[in-house]
Amino acid sequence: MDVIALDDPTDAQIRGWHSVLAAVHAAEPDGDPAPDPERTARLLLGAEAGSRQRLWAAAAGGPGAAGGALAAVAALRLPGEPGADRPGEVDIQVRPEHRRRGLGARLLVAAAAGLRADGRSSVIAQVLAGTPAVPFLESHGFECVLTLRGMLLRLDDVPAERVARLLAEAPAGYRLVRWRGVVPDEHAGALARAKHAMADFAEYEGTPWDAHRVREMAEIVAKRGDDLYTVAALSGGVIAGFTEVVVPAGSAGRAAQYDTAVLPEHRGRRLGILVKAAMLRWLEEECPGVREIETDNSGDNAHMIAVNEELGFRLERESLEFQAAVSALPAAGR
């Protein structure tokens, strides 16, 4: 089975790619809804702003991806400019019935070549714990750098009186504000400073937050057709704490928690749970079709996990972030 680049995927190849994702999801459910064909197409046809992507596939029915149904696929995201001091992000998916035939390794060779051509020094991959992807990555020099606890909140299980009580317990000296989409200019710098309070993957990427980047992130969400909602607690002109939720286009009732953070000097005042409760109230008013919110928390972030559990989030899955030096990845001919 040859590996080919899909620089401009056809409709048939997009359908084949989606079929691979659906087959993997059926065999290894992670608590998320089944992949959506339209969302798959959007992701394949346009890289997010501020990044580029490369795509490869292997067909099950003969040479070239046009020779039959796709057996395996690989996507490589390249944030920033070529040679940027940020890791690439690789995602390799192989149909369960085609595993242990070397397809994943061949796709990794192709992705490694793409990383080298782009001047990258490292790459990351996120996989579901307990799946064959874990030993595959470990066998190719990847090391686990982060454990993520995937949690789900079912809004029908959250009593309205719980939200009302949390809002009534707001500490003195703070004012709640909220916005949809790109941050208003008067809060852009303060939001960037608040994001520095996060011990999250953005720091691992080594990319600083500034007003431009917070606007860019919101614009990326909008270009996907999704809606970004933000609630912040202000102390004077400072954003002391904030939370973000994205409602995807065609979400089928499920939204995604993005960043939540509280500045160190404002911690211990329950601002995290305050802004999250305010977000639940806003979504109930603005997006009544949203009935679930999913989130990922670093396994060592005990405080945020406790906040989410108090709101009603329950553990759905555990994911692992792996990292490897590009110099350690296999190359063609080795």
C-alpha atoms as a PDB file:
ATOM      1  CA  MET A   1       0.000   0.000   0.000  1.00  0.00           C
ATOM      2  CA  ASP A   2       1.636   3.199  -1.189  1.00  0.00           C
ATOM      3  CA  VAL A   3       1.511   6.413   0.816  1.00  0.00           C
ATOM      4  CA  ILE A   4       0.597   9.469  -1.242  1.00  0.00           C
ATOM      5  CA  ALA A   5       0.296  13.144  -0.404  1.00  0.00           C
ATOM      6  CA  LEU A   6      -3.172  14.663  -0.573  1.00  0.00           C
ATOM      7  CA  ASP A   7      -2.268  18.267  -1.281  1.00  0.00           C
ATOM      8  CA  ASP A   8      -5.688  18.914  -2.810  1.00  0.00           C
ATOM      9  CA  PRO A   9      -8.017  16.123  -1.619  1.00  0.00           C
ATOM     10  CA  THR A  10     -10.917  15.157  -3.868  1.00  0.00           C
ATOM     11  CA  ASP A  11     -14.456  14.663  -2.619  1.00  0.00           C
ATOM     12  CA  ALA A  12     -13.921  10.891  -2.757  1.00  0.00           C
ATOM     13  CA  GLN A  13     -10.713  11.154  -0.740  1.00  0.00           C
ATOM     14  CA  ILE A  14     -12.428  13.341   1.852  1.00  0.00           C
ATOM     15  CA  ARG A  15     -15.185  10.750   2.193  1.00  0.00           C
ATOM     16  CA  GLY A  16     -12.542   8.041   2.494  1.00  0.00           C
ATOM     17  CA  TRP A  17     -10.702  10.024   5.170  1.00  0.00           C
ATOM     18  CA  HIS A  18     -13.902  10.461   7.123  1.00  0.00           C
ATOM     19  CA  SER A  19     -14.584   6.727   6.828  1.00  0.00           C
ATOM     20  CA  VAL A  20     -11.236   5.999   8.498  1.00  0.00           C
ATOM     21  CA  LEU A  21     -12.039   8.383  11.376  1.00  0.00           C
ATOM     22  CA  ALA A  22     -15.487   6.813  11.803  1.00  0.00           C
ATOM     23  CA  ALA A  23     -14.045   3.283  11.864  1.00  0.00           C
ATOM     24  CA  VAL A  24     -11.452   4.211  14.491  1.00  0.00           C
ATOM     25  CA  HIS A  25     -14.083   5.978  16.610  1.00  0.00           C
ATOM     26  CA  ALA A  26     -16.399   2.957  16.446  1.00  0.00           C
ATOM     27  CA  ALA A  27     -13.600   0.658  17.630  1.00  0.00           C
ATOM     28  CA  GLU A  28     -12.223   3.048  20.274  1.00  0.00           C
ATOM     29  CA  PRO A  29     -15.057   5.299  21.516  1.00  0.00           C
ATOM     30  CA  ASP A  30     -13.735   8.220  23.533  1.00  0.00           C
ATOM     31  CA  GLY A  31     -16.986   9.711  24.800  1.00  0.00           C
ATOM     32  CA  ASP A  32     -17.161  12.207  21.912  1.00  0.00           C
ATOM     33  CA  PRO A  33     -19.934  12.099  19.320  1.00  0.00           C
ATOM     34  CA  ALA A  34     -19.120  10.245  16.100  1.00  0.00           C
ATOM     35  CA  PRO A  35     -17.082  12.305  13.616  1.00  0.00           C
ATOM     36  CA  ASP A  36     -19.151  14.720  11.529  1.00  0.00           C
ATOM     37  CA  PRO A  37     -18.596  14.499   7.726  1.00  0.00           C
ATOM     38  CA  GLU A  38     -18.963  18.245   7.168  1.00  0.00           C
ATOM     39  CA  ARG A  39     -16.492  19.053   9.914  1.00  0.00           C
ATOM     40  CA  THR A  40     -14.023  16.545   8.478  1.00  0.00           C
ATOM     41  CA  ALA A  41     -14.304  18.252   5.088  1.00  0.00           C
ATOM     42  CA  ARG A  42     -13.742  21.709   6.576  1.00  0.00           C
ATOM     43  CA  LEU A  43     -10.634  20.545   8.422  1.00  0.00           C
ATOM     44  CA  LEU A  44      -9.139  18.924   5.329  1.00  0.00           C
ATOM     45  CA  LEU A  45      -9.877  21.740   2.910  1.00  0.00           C
ATOM     46  CA  GLY A  46      -8.539  24.633   4.959  1.00  0.00           C
ATOM     47  CA  ALA A  47      -5.766  24.877   7.527  1.00  0.00           C
ATOM     48  CA  GLU A  48      -6.397  27.128  10.493  1.00  0.00           C
ATOM     49  CA  ALA A  49      -5.198  30.702  10.172  1.00  0.00           C
ATOM     50  CA  GLY A  50      -1.619  30.986  11.340  1.00  0.00           C
ATOM     51  CA  SER A  51      -0.780  27.412  10.390  1.00  0.00           C
ATOM     52  CA  ARG A  52      -0.325  25.114   7.414  1.00  0.00           C
ATOM     53  CA  GLN A  53      -1.122  21.436   7.032  1.00  0.00           C
ATOM     54  CA  ARG A  54       0.093  18.417   5.096  1.00  0.00           C
ATOM     55  CA  LEU A  55      -2.024  15.328   4.450  1.00  0.00           C
ATOM     56  CA  TRP A  56      -1.118  11.758   3.485  1.00  0.00           C
ATOM     57  CA  ALA A  57      -3.112   8.559   2.966  1.00  0.00           C
ATOM     58  CA  ALA A  58      -2.706   4.878   2.135  1.00  0.00           C
ATOM     59  CA  ALA A  59      -5.372   2.995   0.179  1.00  0.00           C
ATOM     60  CA  ALA A  60      -6.601  -0.495   0.937  1.00  0.00           C
ATOM     61  CA  GLY A  61      -7.336  -1.507  -2.635  1.00  0.00           C
ATOM     62  CA  GLY A  62      -4.163  -0.857  -4.582  1.00  0.00           C
ATOM     63  CA  PRO A  63      -1.485   1.720  -5.387  1.00  0.00           C
ATOM     64  CA  GLY A  64      -2.439   5.338  -4.797  1.00  0.00           C
ATOM     65  CA  ALA A  65      -5.266   6.658  -2.711  1.00  0.00           C
ATOM     66  CA  ALA A  66      -7.579   6.489  -5.717  1.00  0.00           C
ATOM     67  CA  GLY A  67      -7.091   2.713  -5.914  1.00  0.00           C
ATOM     68  CA  GLY A  68      -9.541   1.828  -3.172  1.00  0.00           C
ATOM     69  CA  ALA A  69     -10.936   2.694   0.221  1.00  0.00           C
ATOM     70  CA  LEU A  70      -8.468   4.474   2.476  1.00  0.00           C
ATOM     71  CA  ALA A  71      -6.835   2.245   5.072  1.00  0.00           C
ATOM     72  CA  ALA A  72      -4.868   4.904   6.958  1.00  0.00           C
ATOM     73  CA  VAL A  73      -4.435   8.679   7.036  1.00  0.00           C
ATOM     74  CA  ALA A  74      -2.045  11.222   8.554  1.00  0.00           C
ATOM     75  CA  ALA A  75      -2.414  14.948   9.120  1.00  0.00           C
ATOM     76  CA  LEU A  76       0.477  17.230  10.025  1.00  0.00           C
ATOM     77  CA  ARG A  77      -0.232  20.708  11.367  1.00  0.00           C
ATOM     78  CA  LEU A  78       2.575  23.266  11.120  1.00  0.00           C
ATOM     79  CA  PRO A  79       1.832  26.329  13.279  1.00  0.00           C
ATOM     80  CA  GLY A  80       3.602  29.578  12.493  1.00  0.00           C
ATOM     81  CA  GLU A  81       6.158  30.127   9.756  1.00  0.00           C
ATOM     82  CA  PRO A  82       8.609  27.510   8.442  1.00  0.00           C
ATOM     83  CA  GLY A  83      11.356  26.933  10.963  1.00  0.00           C
ATOM     84  CA  ALA A  84       9.253  28.392  13.778  1.00  0.00           C
ATOM     85  CA  ASP A  85      10.341  27.347  17.241  1.00  0.00           C
ATOM     86  CA  ARG A  86       7.082  25.474  17.782  1.00  0.00           C
ATOM     87  CA  PRO A  87       6.428  21.751  17.463  1.00  0.00           C
ATOM     88  CA  GLY A  88       4.477  20.309  14.580  1.00  0.00           C
ATOM     89  CA  GLU A  89       1.371  18.303  15.442  1.00  0.00           C
ATOM     90  CA  VAL A  90       0.831  14.887  13.875  1.00  0.00           C
ATOM     91  CA  ASP A  91      -2.293  12.728  13.898  1.00  0.00           C
ATOM     92  CA  ILE A  92      -2.128   9.218  12.391  1.00  0.00           C
ATOM     93  CA  GLN A  93      -5.234   7.044  12.121  1.00  0.00           C
ATOM     94  CA  VAL A  94      -5.310   3.441  10.858  1.00  0.00           C
ATOM     95  CA  ARG A  95      -8.421   1.346  10.337  1.00  0.00           C
ATOM     96  CA  PRO A  96      -8.446  -1.441  12.966  1.00  0.00           C
ATOM     97  CA  GLU A  97      -8.534  -4.204  10.331  1.00  0.00           C
ATOM     98  CA  HIS A  98      -5.419  -2.797   8.610  1.00  0.00           C
ATOM     99  CA  ARG A  99      -3.191  -2.419  11.673  1.00  0.00           C
ATOM    100  CA  ARG A 100       0.105  -4.224  12.208  1.00  0.00           C
ATOM    101  CA  ARG A 101       0.968  -3.953   8.523  1.00  0.00           C
ATOM    102  CA  GLY A 102       3.401  -1.051   8.817  1.00  0.00           C
ATOM    103  CA  LEU A 103       1.003   1.608   7.541  1.00  0.00           C
ATOM    104  CA  GLY A 104       1.348   3.828  10.604  1.00  0.00           C
ATOM    105  CA  ALA A 105       5.136   3.651  10.342  1.00  0.00           C
ATOM    106  CA  ARG A 106       5.048   4.603   6.645  1.00  0.00           C
ATOM    107  CA  LEU A 107       2.811   7.560   7.355  1.00  0.00           C
ATOM    108  CA  LEU A 108       5.137   8.634  10.171  1.00  0.00           C
ATOM    109  CA  VAL A 109       8.082   8.548   7.741  1.00  0.00           C
ATOM    110  CA  ALA A 110       6.133  10.841   5.396  1.00  0.00           C
ATOM    111  CA  ALA A 111       5.215  13.203   8.238  1.00  0.00           C
ATOM    112  CA  ALA A 112       8.833  13.239   9.474  1.00  0.00           C
ATOM    113  CA  ALA A 113       9.980  14.287   6.021  1.00  0.00           C
ATOM    114  CA  GLY A 114       7.420  17.090   6.089  1.00  0.00           C
ATOM    115  CA  LEU A 115       8.674  18.226   9.480  1.00  0.00           C
ATOM    116  CA  ARG A 116      12.301  18.258   8.325  1.00  0.00           C
ATOM    117  CA  ALA A 117      11.415  20.158   5.175  1.00  0.00           C
ATOM    118  CA  ASP A 118       9.677  22.776   7.323  1.00  0.00           C
ATOM    119  CA  GLY A 119      12.650  23.150   9.675  1.00  0.00           C
ATOM    120  CA  ARG A 120      10.904  21.756  12.761  1.00  0.00           C
ATOM    121  CA  SER A 121      12.871  20.273  15.635  1.00  0.00           C
ATOM    122  CA  SER A 122      10.032  18.551  17.521  1.00  0.00           C
ATOM    123  CA  VAL A 123       6.571  17.095  17.043  1.00  0.00           C
ATOM    124  CA  ILE A 124       3.668  16.264  19.331  1.00  0.00           C
ATOM    125  CA  ALA A 125       0.771  13.821  19.135  1.00  0.00           C
ATOM    126  CA  GLN A 126      -2.315  13.400  21.304  1.00  0.00           C
ATOM    127  CA  VAL A 127      -3.829   9.927  21.627  1.00  0.00           C
ATOM    128  CA  LEU A 128      -6.395   8.126  23.727  1.00  0.00           C
ATOM    129  CA  ALA A 129      -4.888   6.264  26.691  1.00  0.00           C
ATOM    130  CA  GLY A 130      -5.060   2.477  26.500  1.00  0.00           C
ATOM    131  CA  THR A 131      -5.206   2.315  22.698  1.00  0.00           C
ATOM    132  CA  PRO A 132      -2.656   0.804  20.258  1.00  0.00           C
ATOM    133  CA  ALA A 133      -1.505   4.335  19.438  1.00  0.00           C
ATOM    134  CA  VAL A 134       0.362   4.481  22.759  1.00  0.00           C
ATOM    135  CA  PRO A 135       2.834   1.612  22.144  1.00  0.00           C
ATOM    136  CA  PHE A 136       3.127   2.721  18.506  1.00  0.00           C
ATOM    137  CA  LEU A 137       4.362   6.172  19.518  1.00  0.00           C
ATOM    138  CA  GLU A 138       6.602   4.804  22.257  1.00  0.00           C
ATOM    139  CA  SER A 139       8.211   2.412  19.777  1.00  0.00           C
ATOM    140  CA  HIS A 140       9.104   5.351  17.548  1.00  0.00           C
ATOM    141  CA  GLY A 141      10.828   7.496  20.159  1.00  0.00           C
ATOM    142  CA  PHE A 142       7.919   9.547  21.501  1.00  0.00           C
ATOM    143  CA  GLU A 143       7.741  10.284  25.231  1.00  0.00           C
ATOM    144  CA  CYS A 144       4.618  11.142  27.215  1.00  0.00           C
ATOM    145  CA  VAL A 145       4.797  14.759  28.420  1.00  0.00           C
ATOM    146  CA  LEU A 146       1.238  15.400  29.576  1.00  0.00           C
ATOM    147  CA  THR A 147      -1.820  13.497  30.792  1.00  0.00           C
ATOM    148  CA  LEU A 148      -5.224  14.989  30.019  1.00  0.00           C
ATOM    149  CA  ARG A 149      -8.458  14.092  31.790  1.00  0.00           C
ATOM    150  CA  GLY A 150     -11.415  14.437  29.449  1.00  0.00           C
ATOM    151  CA  MET A 151     -14.529  15.444  31.391  1.00  0.00           C
ATOM    152  CA  LEU A 152     -18.148  16.024  30.380  1.00  0.00           C
ATOM    153  CA  LEU A 153     -20.860  18.186  31.912  1.00  0.00           C
ATOM    154  CA  ARG A 154     -24.487  17.383  31.100  1.00  0.00           C
ATOM    155  CA  LEU A 155     -26.372  20.623  31.589  1.00  0.00           C
ATOM    156  CA  ASP A 156     -29.636  18.844  32.364  1.00  0.00           C
ATOM    157  CA  ASP A 157     -27.914  17.489  35.485  1.00  0.00           C
ATOM    158  CA  VAL A 158     -26.983  20.970  36.758  1.00  0.00           C
ATOM    159  CA  PRO A 159     -29.750  22.392  38.998  1.00  0.00           C
ATOM    160  CA  ALA A 160     -30.591  26.019  38.234  1.00  0.00           C
ATOM    161  CA  GLU A 161     -30.373  26.780  41.939  1.00  0.00           C
ATOM    162  CA  ARG A 162     -26.724  25.625  41.997  1.00  0.00           C
ATOM    163  CA  VAL A 163     -25.824  28.159  39.304  1.00  0.00           C
ATOM    164  CA  ALA A 164     -27.830  30.867  41.077  1.00  0.00           C
ATOM    165  CA  ARG A 165     -26.085  30.137  44.376  1.00  0.00           C
ATOM    166  CA  LEU A 166     -22.602  30.296  42.826  1.00  0.00           C
ATOM    167  CA  LEU A 167     -23.402  33.625  41.187  1.00  0.00           C
ATOM    168  CA  ALA A 168     -24.813  34.998  44.434  1.00  0.00           C
ATOM    169  CA  GLU A 169     -21.560  34.078  46.209  1.00  0.00           C
ATOM    170  CA  ALA A 170     -19.474  36.333  43.926  1.00  0.00           C
ATOM    171  CA  PRO A 171     -16.715  38.067  45.912  1.00  0.00           C
ATOM    172  CA  ALA A 172     -16.848  41.840  46.315  1.00  0.00           C
ATOM    173  CA  GLY A 173     -14.704  44.018  44.082  1.00  0.00           C
ATOM    174  CA  TYR A 174     -15.240  42.155  40.818  1.00  0.00           C
ATOM    175  CA  ARG A 175     -17.454  42.842  37.830  1.00  0.00           C
ATOM    176  CA  LEU A 176     -18.458  40.216  35.262  1.00  0.00           C
ATOM    177  CA  VAL A 177     -18.236  41.023  31.546  1.00  0.00           C
ATOM    178  CA  ARG A 178     -18.837  38.821  28.552  1.00  0.00           C
ATOM    179  CA  TRP A 179     -18.383  38.895  24.803  1.00  0.00           C
ATOM    180  CA  ARG A 180     -18.928  36.689  21.774  1.00  0.00           C
ATOM    181  CA  GLY A 181     -16.204  36.332  19.158  1.00  0.00           C
ATOM    182  CA  VAL A 182     -13.123  38.566  19.093  1.00  0.00           C
ATOM    183  CA  VAL A 183     -12.208  40.257  22.364  1.00  0.00           C
ATOM    184  CA  PRO A 184     -13.126  43.969  22.522  1.00  0.00           C
ATOM    185  CA  ASP A 185     -10.105  46.231  22.094  1.00  0.00           C
ATOM    186  CA  GLU A 186     -10.307  47.536  25.667  1.00  0.00           C
ATOM    187  CA  HIS A 187      -9.836  44.014  27.052  1.00  0.00           C
ATOM    188  CA  ALA A 188      -7.382  42.522  24.532  1.00  0.00           C
ATOM    189  CA  GLY A 189      -4.185  43.300  26.428  1.00  0.00           C
ATOM    190  CA  ALA A 190      -5.681  42.277  29.770  1.00  0.00           C
ATOM    191  CA  LEU A 191      -6.865  38.961  28.312  1.00  0.00           C
ATOM    192  CA  ALA A 192      -3.392  38.244  26.948  1.00  0.00           C
ATOM    193  CA  ARG A 193      -1.900  38.878  30.389  1.00  0.00           C
ATOM    194  CA  ALA A 194      -4.499  36.608  32.007  1.00  0.00           C
ATOM    195  CA  LYS A 195      -3.628  33.795  29.606  1.00  0.00           C
ATOM    196  CA  HIS A 196      -0.073  33.863  30.925  1.00  0.00           C
ATOM    197  CA  ALA A 197      -1.528  32.593  34.197  1.00  0.00           C
ATOM    198  CA  MET A 198      -2.274  29.233  32.601  1.00  0.00           C
ATOM    199  CA  ALA A 199       0.051  26.303  33.133  1.00  0.00           C
ATOM    200  CA  ASP A 200      -1.166  24.884  29.847  1.00  0.00           C
ATOM    201  CA  PHE A 201      -0.005  23.640  26.507  1.00  0.00           C
ATOM    202  CA  ALA A 202       0.486  27.155  25.138  1.00  0.00           C
ATOM    203  CA  GLU A 203       3.460  27.557  27.456  1.00  0.00           C
ATOM    204  CA  TYR A 204       4.752  24.183  26.346  1.00  0.00           C
ATOM    205  CA  GLU A 205       4.649  25.485  22.765  1.00  0.00           C
ATOM    206  CA  GLY A 206       6.810  28.393  23.877  1.00  0.00           C
ATOM    207  CA  THR A 207       4.594  30.962  22.168  1.00  0.00           C
ATOM    208  CA  PRO A 208       3.807  34.118  24.170  1.00  0.00           C
ATOM    209  CA  TRP A 209       0.301  35.518  24.391  1.00  0.00           C
ATOM    210  CA  ASP A 210      -0.245  39.075  23.232  1.00  0.00           C
ATOM    211  CA  ALA A 211      -3.227  41.099  22.025  1.00  0.00           C
ATOM    212  CA  HIS A 212      -2.632  40.012  18.433  1.00  0.00           C
ATOM    213  CA  ARG A 213      -2.608  36.337  19.332  1.00  0.00           C
ATOM    214  CA  VAL A 214      -5.825  36.440  21.379  1.00  0.00           C
ATOM    215  CA  ARG A 215      -7.572  38.153  18.462  1.00  0.00           C
ATOM    216  CA  GLU A 216      -6.101  35.653  16.008  1.00  0.00           C
ATOM    217  CA  MET A 217      -7.353  32.710  18.063  1.00  0.00           C
ATOM    218  CA  ALA A 218     -10.907  34.075  18.026  1.00  0.00           C
ATOM    219  CA  GLU A 219     -10.695  34.717  14.279  1.00  0.00           C
ATOM    220  CA  ILE A 220      -9.586  31.121  13.708  1.00  0.00           C
ATOM    221  CA  VAL A 221     -12.647  29.883  15.583  1.00  0.00           C
ATOM    222  CA  ALA A 222     -14.931  32.171  13.553  1.00  0.00           C
ATOM    223  CA  LYS A 223     -13.447  31.044  10.223  1.00  0.00           C
ATOM    224  CA  ARG A 224     -14.370  27.466  11.122  1.00  0.00           C
ATOM    225  CA  GLY A 225     -17.958  28.641  11.528  1.00  0.00           C
ATOM    226  CA  ASP A 226     -17.845  28.137  15.314  1.00  0.00           C
ATOM    227  CA  ASP A 227     -18.793  30.621  18.052  1.00  0.00           C
ATOM    228  CA  LEU A 228     -16.441  31.628  20.886  1.00  0.00           C
ATOM    229  CA  TYR A 229     -18.022  32.814  24.142  1.00  0.00           C
ATOM    230  CA  THR A 230     -15.945  34.462  26.878  1.00  0.00           C
ATOM    231  CA  VAL A 231     -16.855  35.473  30.438  1.00  0.00           C
ATOM    232  CA  ALA A 232     -14.336  37.476  32.503  1.00  0.00           C
ATOM    233  CA  ALA A 233     -14.163  38.835  36.030  1.00  0.00           C
ATOM    234  CA  LEU A 234     -12.742  42.370  36.088  1.00  0.00           C
ATOM    235  CA  SER A 235     -10.932  44.079  38.936  1.00  0.00           C
ATOM    236  CA  GLY A 236     -10.526  47.627  37.732  1.00  0.00           C
ATOM    237  CA  GLY A 237      -9.113  47.236  34.233  1.00  0.00           C
ATOM    238  CA  VAL A 238      -7.512  43.869  35.030  1.00  0.00           C
ATOM    239  CA  ILE A 239      -9.005  40.552  33.929  1.00  0.00           C
ATOM    240  CA  ALA A 240      -8.597  38.618  37.148  1.00  0.00           C
ATOM    241  CA  GLY A 241     -10.133  35.459  35.742  1.00  0.00           C
ATOM    242  CA  PHE A 242     -11.873  34.250  32.603  1.00  0.00           C
ATOM    243  CA  THR A 243     -13.356  31.219  30.890  1.00  0.00           C
ATOM    244  CA  GLU A 244     -13.999  30.411  27.221  1.00  0.00           C
ATOM    245  CA  VAL A 245     -16.452  28.020  25.567  1.00  0.00           C
ATOM    246  CA  VAL A 246     -16.724  27.245  21.858  1.00  0.00           C
ATOM    247  CA  VAL A 247     -20.027  26.190  20.337  1.00  0.00           C
ATOM    248  CA  PRO A 248     -19.151  24.333  17.134  1.00  0.00           C
ATOM    249  CA  ALA A 249     -21.161  24.689  13.955  1.00  0.00           C
ATOM    250  CA  GLY A 250     -23.526  21.716  13.853  1.00  0.00           C
ATOM    251  CA  SER A 251     -22.527  20.887  17.424  1.00  0.00           C
ATOM    252  CA  ALA A 252     -25.418  18.457  17.959  1.00  0.00           C
ATOM    253  CA  GLY A 253     -25.787  19.867  21.435  1.00  0.00           C
ATOM    254  CA  ARG A 254     -22.171  19.696  22.625  1.00  0.00           C
ATOM    255  CA  ALA A 255     -19.881  22.673  23.256  1.00  0.00           C
ATOM    256  CA  ALA A 256     -16.176  22.632  24.075  1.00  0.00           C
ATOM    257  CA  GLN A 257     -14.505  24.283  27.037  1.00  0.00           C
ATOM    258  CA  TYR A 258     -11.420  26.206  25.955  1.00  0.00           C
ATOM    259  CA  ASP A 259      -9.193  28.164  28.352  1.00  0.00           C
ATOM    260  CA  THR A 260      -9.976  29.023  31.972  1.00  0.00           C
ATOM    261  CA  ALA A 261      -7.494  30.898  34.160  1.00  0.00           C
ATOM    262  CA  VAL A 262      -7.239  33.088  37.255  1.00  0.00           C
ATOM    263  CA  LEU A 263      -4.316  35.420  37.916  1.00  0.00           C
ATOM    264  CA  PRO A 264      -2.177  34.190  40.840  1.00  0.00           C
ATOM    265  CA  GLU A 265      -2.860  37.260  42.971  1.00  0.00           C
ATOM    266  CA  HIS A 266      -6.628  36.732  42.627  1.00  0.00           C
ATOM    267  CA  ARG A 267      -6.744  33.029  43.414  1.00  0.00           C
ATOM    268  CA  GLY A 268      -8.497  31.612  46.470  1.00  0.00           C
ATOM    269  CA  ARG A 269     -11.622  33.727  45.883  1.00  0.00           C
ATOM    270  CA  ARG A 270     -13.511  31.170  43.754  1.00  0.00           C
ATOM    271  CA  LEU A 271     -13.322  33.281  40.625  1.00  0.00           C
ATOM    272  CA  GLY A 272     -12.839  30.203  38.460  1.00  0.00           C
ATOM    273  CA  ILE A 273     -16.144  28.664  39.461  1.00  0.00           C
ATOM    274  CA  LEU A 274     -17.812  32.095  39.332  1.00  0.00           C
ATOM    275  CA  VAL A 275     -16.975  32.714  35.676  1.00  0.00           C
ATOM    276  CA  LYS A 276     -17.885  29.141  34.780  1.00  0.00           C
ATOM    277  CA  ALA A 277     -21.281  29.493  36.483  1.00  0.00           C
ATOM    278  CA  ALA A 278     -21.856  32.772  34.631  1.00  0.00           C
ATOM    279  CA  MET A 279     -20.993  30.976  31.392  1.00  0.00           C
ATOM    280  CA  LEU A 280     -23.586  28.274  32.107  1.00  0.00           C
ATOM    281  CA  ARG A 281     -26.243  30.922  32.686  1.00  0.00           C
ATOM    282  CA  TRP A 282     -25.283  32.722  29.449  1.00  0.00           C
ATOM    283  CA  LEU A 283     -25.323  29.550  27.347  1.00  0.00           C
ATOM    284  CA  GLU A 284     -28.742  28.649  28.744  1.00  0.00           C
ATOM    285  CA  GLU A 285     -30.010  32.033  27.552  1.00  0.00           C
ATOM    286  CA  GLU A 286     -28.078  32.281  24.279  1.00  0.00           C
ATOM    287  CA  CYS A 287     -27.675  28.657  23.135  1.00  0.00           C
ATOM    288  CA  PRO A 288     -30.459  26.514  24.637  1.00  0.00           C
ATOM    289  CA  GLY A 289     -29.596  23.738  22.182  1.00  0.00           C
ATOM    290  CA  VAL A 290     -26.274  23.148  23.948  1.00  0.00           C
ATOM    291  CA  ARG A 291     -26.829  20.347  26.453  1.00  0.00           C
ATOM    292  CA  GLU A 292     -23.247  19.205  27.090  1.00  0.00           C
ATOM    293  CA  ILE A 293     -19.823  20.784  27.587  1.00  0.00           C
ATOM    294  CA  GLU A 294     -16.603  18.805  27.221  1.00  0.00           C
ATOM    295  CA  THR A 295     -13.229  19.785  28.647  1.00  0.00           C
ATOM    296  CA  ASP A 296      -9.674  18.499  29.011  1.00  0.00           C
ATOM    297  CA  ASN A 297      -7.671  19.164  32.158  1.00  0.00           C
ATOM    298  CA  SER A 298      -4.037  18.422  32.816  1.00  0.00           C
ATOM    299  CA  GLY A 299      -3.914  15.436  35.138  1.00  0.00           C
ATOM    300  CA  ASP A 300      -1.871  17.392  37.690  1.00  0.00           C
ATOM    301  CA  ASN A 301      -4.228  20.398  37.723  1.00  0.00           C
ATOM    302  CA  ALA A 302      -6.049  19.236  40.848  1.00  0.00           C
ATOM    303  CA  HIS A 303      -7.636  22.633  41.519  1.00  0.00           C
ATOM    304  CA  MET A 304      -9.359  22.966  38.128  1.00  0.00           C
ATOM    305  CA  ILE A 305     -10.445  19.335  38.205  1.00  0.00           C
ATOM    306  CA  ALA A 306     -12.051  20.007  41.612  1.00  0.00           C
ATOM    307  CA  VAL A 307     -13.785  23.128  40.254  1.00  0.00           C
ATOM    308  CA  ASN A 308     -15.170  21.164  37.322  1.00  0.00           C
ATOM    309  CA  GLU A 309     -16.303  18.316  39.542  1.00  0.00           C
ATOM    310  CA  GLU A 310     -18.127  20.777  41.794  1.00  0.00           C
ATOM    311  CA  LEU A 311     -20.001  22.078  38.758  1.00  0.00           C
ATOM    312  CA  GLY A 312     -20.915  18.522  37.761  1.00  0.00           C
ATOM    313  CA  PHE A 313     -18.289  17.468  35.211  1.00  0.00           C
ATOM    314  CA  ARG A 314     -17.567  13.735  35.202  1.00  0.00           C
ATOM    315  CA  LEU A 315     -14.568  11.838  33.825  1.00  0.00           C
ATOM    316  CA  GLU A 316     -15.120  10.465  30.312  1.00  0.00           C
ATOM    317  CA  ARG A 317     -11.650   9.577  29.034  1.00  0.00           C
ATOM    318  CA  GLU A 318      -7.920   9.997  29.538  1.00  0.00           C
ATOM    319  CA  SER A 319      -5.664  11.240  26.757  1.00  0.00           C
ATOM    320  CA  LEU A 320      -1.894  11.468  26.547  1.00  0.00           C
ATOM    321  CA  GLU A 321       0.322  14.077  24.883  1.00  0.00           C
ATOM    322  CA  PHE A 322       3.508  12.644  23.374  1.00  0.00           C
ATOM    323  CA  GLN A 323       6.560  14.511  22.088  1.00  0.00           C
ATOM    324  CA  ALA A 324       9.535  13.461  19.970  1.00  0.00           C
ATOM    325  CA  ALA A 325      12.590  15.123  18.503  1.00  0.00           C
ATOM    326  CA  VAL A 326      12.321  15.164  14.717  1.00  0.00           C
ATOM    327  CA  SER A 327      15.936  14.003  14.534  1.00  0.00           C
ATOM    328  CA  ALA A 328      14.868  10.754  16.238  1.00  0.00           C
ATOM    329  CA  LEU A 329      12.057   9.960  13.788  1.00  0.00           C
ATOM    330  CA  PRO A 330      12.475   7.400  11.030  1.00  0.00           C
ATOM    331  CA  ALA A 331      13.462   8.523   7.541  1.00  0.00           C
ATOM    332  CA  ALA A 332      12.800   6.903   4.200  1.00  0.00           C
ATOM    333  CA  GLY A 333      15.371   4.222   3.389  1.00  0.00           C
ATOM    334  CA  ARG A 334      16.387   3.600   6.993  1.00  0.00           C
END
